[in-house]
Amino acid sequence: MPIVVKDYTWEQTETETIITIPLKGVKTNKVDITLTDEYLKVNYPPYFFETLLYGLVDDKKSVANVGNGIVLMRLTKQGSGLWQDLHSVDFGNKEAMKQKREEAIQKMQEKSELMEKDRAEKKRAAEKYALNKQMNIEQDERKRIENQKQQERDQATRDLESWKEQQIQEAEKEKLKLLEEKKSHGRKTSTGKRERKTTRRQKEN
């Protein structure tokens, strides 16, 4: 049977209410906390602490610290000012507590669903970012490879043009060489004919 914790303490400032609840030897991983803007329940079987708060709090800014044998609740008030009590005037009303308990459970479920949806959206956003980043990396790599191939093609074209120019120059040199050899051969042939004619004349005389 659940045991209601009564040996808690609380204090407050204009902006904050602090509640200290003893764990009574229960391990910290057994603690379950439900908090809305007006309802608080700390459950750690077989013990539990429950209250309907005197004033409204900001459950998003409020903080729970569990450790060192206690649960320390630091509740941020929605409006500044001192409370007359920790509990609402409806705290002892069973019907009111039941209703607030059910509302708290509903709010916690909705909050859990919103958090799960938010985590899912963040996960999708992270996956999309990672995918886009990977695609950009792959695109940059393709561009790098294509640029490298283009540079190789351009170099091959330059090498080919240089080779063609070299072949043309060598062909021109060979052509000039052949012309020179032909001219030289022609001069030698003319000289030989003149020498033969001179030799015949000398024999006839």
Protein backbone atom coordinates (compact mmCIF):
# COMPACT_ATOMS: atom_id res chain seq x y z
CA MET A 1 0.00 0.00 0.00
CA PRO A 2 1.41 3.44 -0.96
CA ILE A 3 2.74 5.51 1.93
CA VAL A 4 2.10 9.25 1.89
CA VAL A 5 5.21 11.30 2.67
CA LYS A 6 4.50 13.92 5.31
CA ASP A 7 7.98 14.81 6.56
CA TYR A 8 8.76 17.15 3.66
CA THR A 9 9.84 20.78 4.06
CA TRP A 10 9.26 23.83 1.91
CA GLU A 11 10.35 27.43 1.67
CA GLN A 12 9.77 30.23 -0.77
CA THR A 13 10.89 33.52 -2.22
CA GLU A 14 8.91 36.02 -4.24
CA THR A 15 9.68 34.07 -7.43
CA GLU A 16 10.36 30.50 -6.33
CA THR A 17 9.01 27.71 -4.13
CA ILE A 18 11.45 25.05 -2.94
CA ILE A 19 10.25 21.66 -1.68
CA THR A 20 12.56 19.08 -0.10
CA ILE A 21 11.26 15.50 -0.04
CA PRO A 22 13.25 12.68 1.68
CA LEU A 23 13.86 9.53 -0.37
CA LYS A 24 13.89 7.27 2.71
CA GLY A 25 16.52 4.97 1.25
CA VAL A 26 14.81 4.47 -2.11
CA LYS A 27 17.17 4.46 -5.12
CA THR A 28 17.10 7.55 -7.32
CA ASN A 29 16.26 5.55 -10.45
CA LYS A 30 12.94 4.59 -8.84
CA VAL A 31 11.75 8.21 -8.65
CA ASP A 32 8.99 9.33 -11.01
CA ILE A 33 7.95 13.01 -11.05
CA THR A 34 4.76 14.47 -12.49
CA LEU A 35 4.55 18.26 -12.63
CA THR A 36 2.10 20.65 -14.27
CA ASP A 37 1.42 24.30 -13.64
CA GLU A 38 -0.65 23.47 -10.52
CA TYR A 39 -0.08 19.81 -9.66
CA LEU A 40 2.95 17.95 -8.31
CA LYS A 41 3.45 14.27 -7.62
CA VAL A 42 6.69 12.54 -6.68
CA ASN A 43 6.32 8.77 -6.70
CA TYR A 44 9.00 6.37 -5.44
CA PRO A 45 7.35 3.14 -4.28
CA PRO A 46 6.24 2.49 -1.69
CA TYR A 47 6.29 6.26 -0.98
CA PHE A 48 4.71 9.18 -2.76
CA PHE A 49 4.24 12.90 -2.29
CA GLU A 50 1.31 14.68 -3.92
CA THR A 51 -0.08 18.19 -3.75
CA LEU A 52 -2.26 20.70 -5.54
CA LEU A 53 -0.15 23.84 -5.44
CA TYR A 54 -1.35 27.09 -3.92
CA GLY A 55 -0.33 29.10 -6.98
CA LEU A 56 0.58 28.47 -10.59
CA VAL A 57 4.15 27.59 -11.54
CA ASP A 58 6.09 27.45 -14.80
CA ASP A 59 6.67 23.73 -15.24
CA LYS A 60 9.12 24.36 -18.11
CA LYS A 61 11.41 26.55 -16.01
CA SER A 62 11.04 24.53 -12.81
CA VAL A 63 13.82 22.06 -11.93
CA ALA A 64 13.96 18.75 -10.05
CA ASN A 65 17.22 17.54 -8.50
CA VAL A 66 17.31 13.94 -7.29
CA GLY A 67 20.25 12.78 -5.17
CA ASN A 68 21.92 12.83 -1.76
CA GLY A 69 18.88 11.15 -0.26
CA ILE A 70 16.35 13.81 -1.31
CA VAL A 71 14.23 15.15 -4.13
CA LEU A 72 14.69 18.91 -4.37
CA MET A 73 11.96 20.67 -6.35
CA ARG A 74 12.67 24.26 -7.36
CA LEU A 75 9.38 25.58 -8.73
CA THR A 76 9.38 28.86 -10.62
CA LYS A 77 6.25 30.89 -9.89
CA GLN A 78 4.26 32.28 -12.80
CA GLY A 79 3.63 35.46 -10.84
CA SER A 80 5.82 36.98 -8.14
CA GLY A 81 4.56 37.06 -4.58
CA LEU A 82 4.45 34.95 -1.44
CA TRP A 83 2.01 32.07 -1.05
CA GLN A 84 -0.04 31.70 2.07
CA ASP A 85 0.47 27.93 1.98
CA LEU A 86 2.10 25.24 -0.17
CA HIS A 87 -1.25 23.61 -0.89
CA SER A 88 -4.30 24.90 -2.70
CA VAL A 89 -7.58 25.22 -0.78
CA ASP A 90 -8.81 22.28 -2.92
CA PHE A 91 -5.96 20.03 -1.76
CA GLY A 92 -8.16 18.08 0.68
CA ASN A 93 -11.04 17.73 -1.78
CA LYS A 94 -10.96 14.19 -3.16
CA GLU A 95 -13.01 15.03 -6.26
CA ALA A 96 -10.88 18.07 -7.03
CA MET A 97 -7.67 16.06 -6.52
CA LYS A 98 -8.94 13.27 -8.75
CA GLN A 99 -9.80 15.74 -11.49
CA LYS A 100 -6.44 17.52 -11.23
CA ARG A 101 -4.63 14.19 -11.17
CA GLU A 102 -6.37 13.10 -14.38
CA GLU A 103 -5.69 16.47 -15.97
CA ALA A 104 -2.03 16.19 -14.98
CA ILE A 105 -1.76 12.72 -16.49
CA GLN A 106 -3.35 14.01 -19.70
CA LYS A 107 -1.00 17.00 -19.81
CA MET A 108 2.03 14.78 -19.22
CA GLN A 109 0.93 12.46 -22.02
CA GLU A 110 0.48 15.42 -24.37
CA LYS A 111 3.83 16.81 -23.28
CA SER A 112 5.47 13.43 -23.86
CA GLU A 113 3.89 13.20 -27.33
CA LEU A 114 5.08 16.73 -28.18
CA MET A 115 8.58 15.90 -26.98
CA GLU A 116 8.56 12.70 -29.03
CA LYS A 117 7.31 14.61 -32.07
CA ASP A 118 9.97 17.26 -31.52
CA ARG A 119 12.67 14.59 -31.22
CA ALA A 120 11.40 12.92 -34.39
CA GLU A 121 11.44 16.26 -36.26
CA LYS A 122 14.93 17.04 -35.01
CA LYS A 123 16.06 13.56 -36.02
CA ARG A 124 14.58 14.01 -39.50
CA ALA A 125 16.20 17.44 -39.76
CA ALA A 126 19.55 16.00 -38.66
CA GLU A 127 19.23 13.13 -41.15
CA LYS A 128 18.29 15.56 -43.92
CA TYR A 129 21.23 17.79 -43.04
CA ALA A 130 23.57 14.79 -42.99
CA LEU A 131 22.16 13.59 -46.35
CA ASN A 132 22.54 17.04 -47.93
CA LYS A 133 26.05 17.32 -46.55
CA GLN A 134 26.94 13.90 -47.96
CA MET A 135 25.40 14.82 -51.31
CA ASN A 136 27.41 18.05 -51.36
CA ILE A 137 30.57 16.11 -50.54
CA GLU A 138 29.84 13.63 -53.34
CA GLN A 139 29.02 16.47 -55.74
CA ASP A 140 32.26 18.25 -54.88
CA GLU A 141 34.13 14.98 -55.37
CA ARG A 142 32.49 14.46 -58.78
CA LYS A 143 33.42 18.03 -59.75
CA ARG A 144 36.99 17.47 -58.59
CA ILE A 145 37.25 14.24 -60.59
CA GLU A 146 35.67 15.87 -63.66
CA ASN A 147 38.03 18.85 -63.39
CA GLN A 148 40.96 16.49 -63.06
CA LYS A 149 39.81 14.52 -66.14
CA GLN A 150 39.30 17.77 -68.07
CA GLN A 151 42.79 18.90 -67.13
CA GLU A 152 44.15 15.55 -68.30
CA ARG A 153 42.20 15.87 -71.58
CA ASP A 154 43.47 19.41 -72.07
CA GLN A 155 47.03 18.30 -71.39
CA ALA A 156 46.64 15.38 -73.80
CA THR A 157 45.34 17.80 -76.46
CA ARG A 158 48.27 20.14 -75.87
CA ASP A 159 50.70 17.21 -76.04
CA LEU A 160 49.09 16.03 -79.28
CA GLU A 161 49.24 19.50 -80.83
CA SER A 162 52.85 19.82 -79.73
CA TRP A 163 53.65 16.43 -81.28
CA LYS A 164 51.93 17.40 -84.53
CA GLU A 165 53.88 20.66 -84.65
CA GLN A 166 57.08 18.77 -84.01
CA GLN A 167 56.23 16.30 -86.78
CA ILE A 168 55.55 19.19 -89.20
CA GLN A 169 58.85 20.84 -88.30
CA GLU A 170 60.74 17.57 -88.72
CA ALA A 171 59.01 16.97 -92.07
CA GLU A 172 60.01 20.48 -93.21
CA LYS A 173 63.58 19.82 -92.14
CA GLU A 174 63.57 16.50 -93.99
CA LYS A 175 62.13 18.20 -97.06
CA LEU A 176 64.81 20.89 -96.99
CA LYS A 177 67.47 18.22 -96.50
CA LEU A 178 66.21 16.28 -99.52
CA LEU A 179 66.19 19.47 -101.61
CA GLU A 180 69.72 20.26 -100.56
CA GLU A 181 70.81 16.71 -101.38
CA LYS A 182 69.08 16.93 -104.78
CA LYS A 183 70.76 20.22 -105.57
CA SER A 184 74.11 18.86 -104.48
CA HIS A 185 73.61 15.76 -106.62
CA GLY A 186 72.65 17.95 -109.59
CA ARG A 187 75.81 20.03 -109.24
CA LYS A 188 77.94 16.88 -109.10
CA THR A 189 76.24 15.48 -112.23
CA SER A 190 76.85 18.71 -114.20
CA THR A 191 80.50 18.76 -113.18
CA GLY A 192 80.93 15.12 -114.26
CA LYS A 193 79.42 15.85 -117.71
CA ARG A 194 81.71 18.82 -118.21
CA GLU A 195 84.72 16.73 -117.25
CA ARG A 196 83.74 13.95 -119.70
CA LYS A 197 83.28 16.47 -122.54
CA THR A 198 86.71 17.97 -121.84
CA THR A 199 88.31 14.51 -121.89
CA ARG A 200 86.76 13.67 -125.32
CA ARG A 201 87.95 16.91 -126.82
CA GLN A 202 91.44 16.25 -125.62
CA LYS A 203 91.39 12.75 -127.19
CA GLU A 204 90.06 14.09 -130.54
CA ASN A 205 92.85 16.64 -130.66
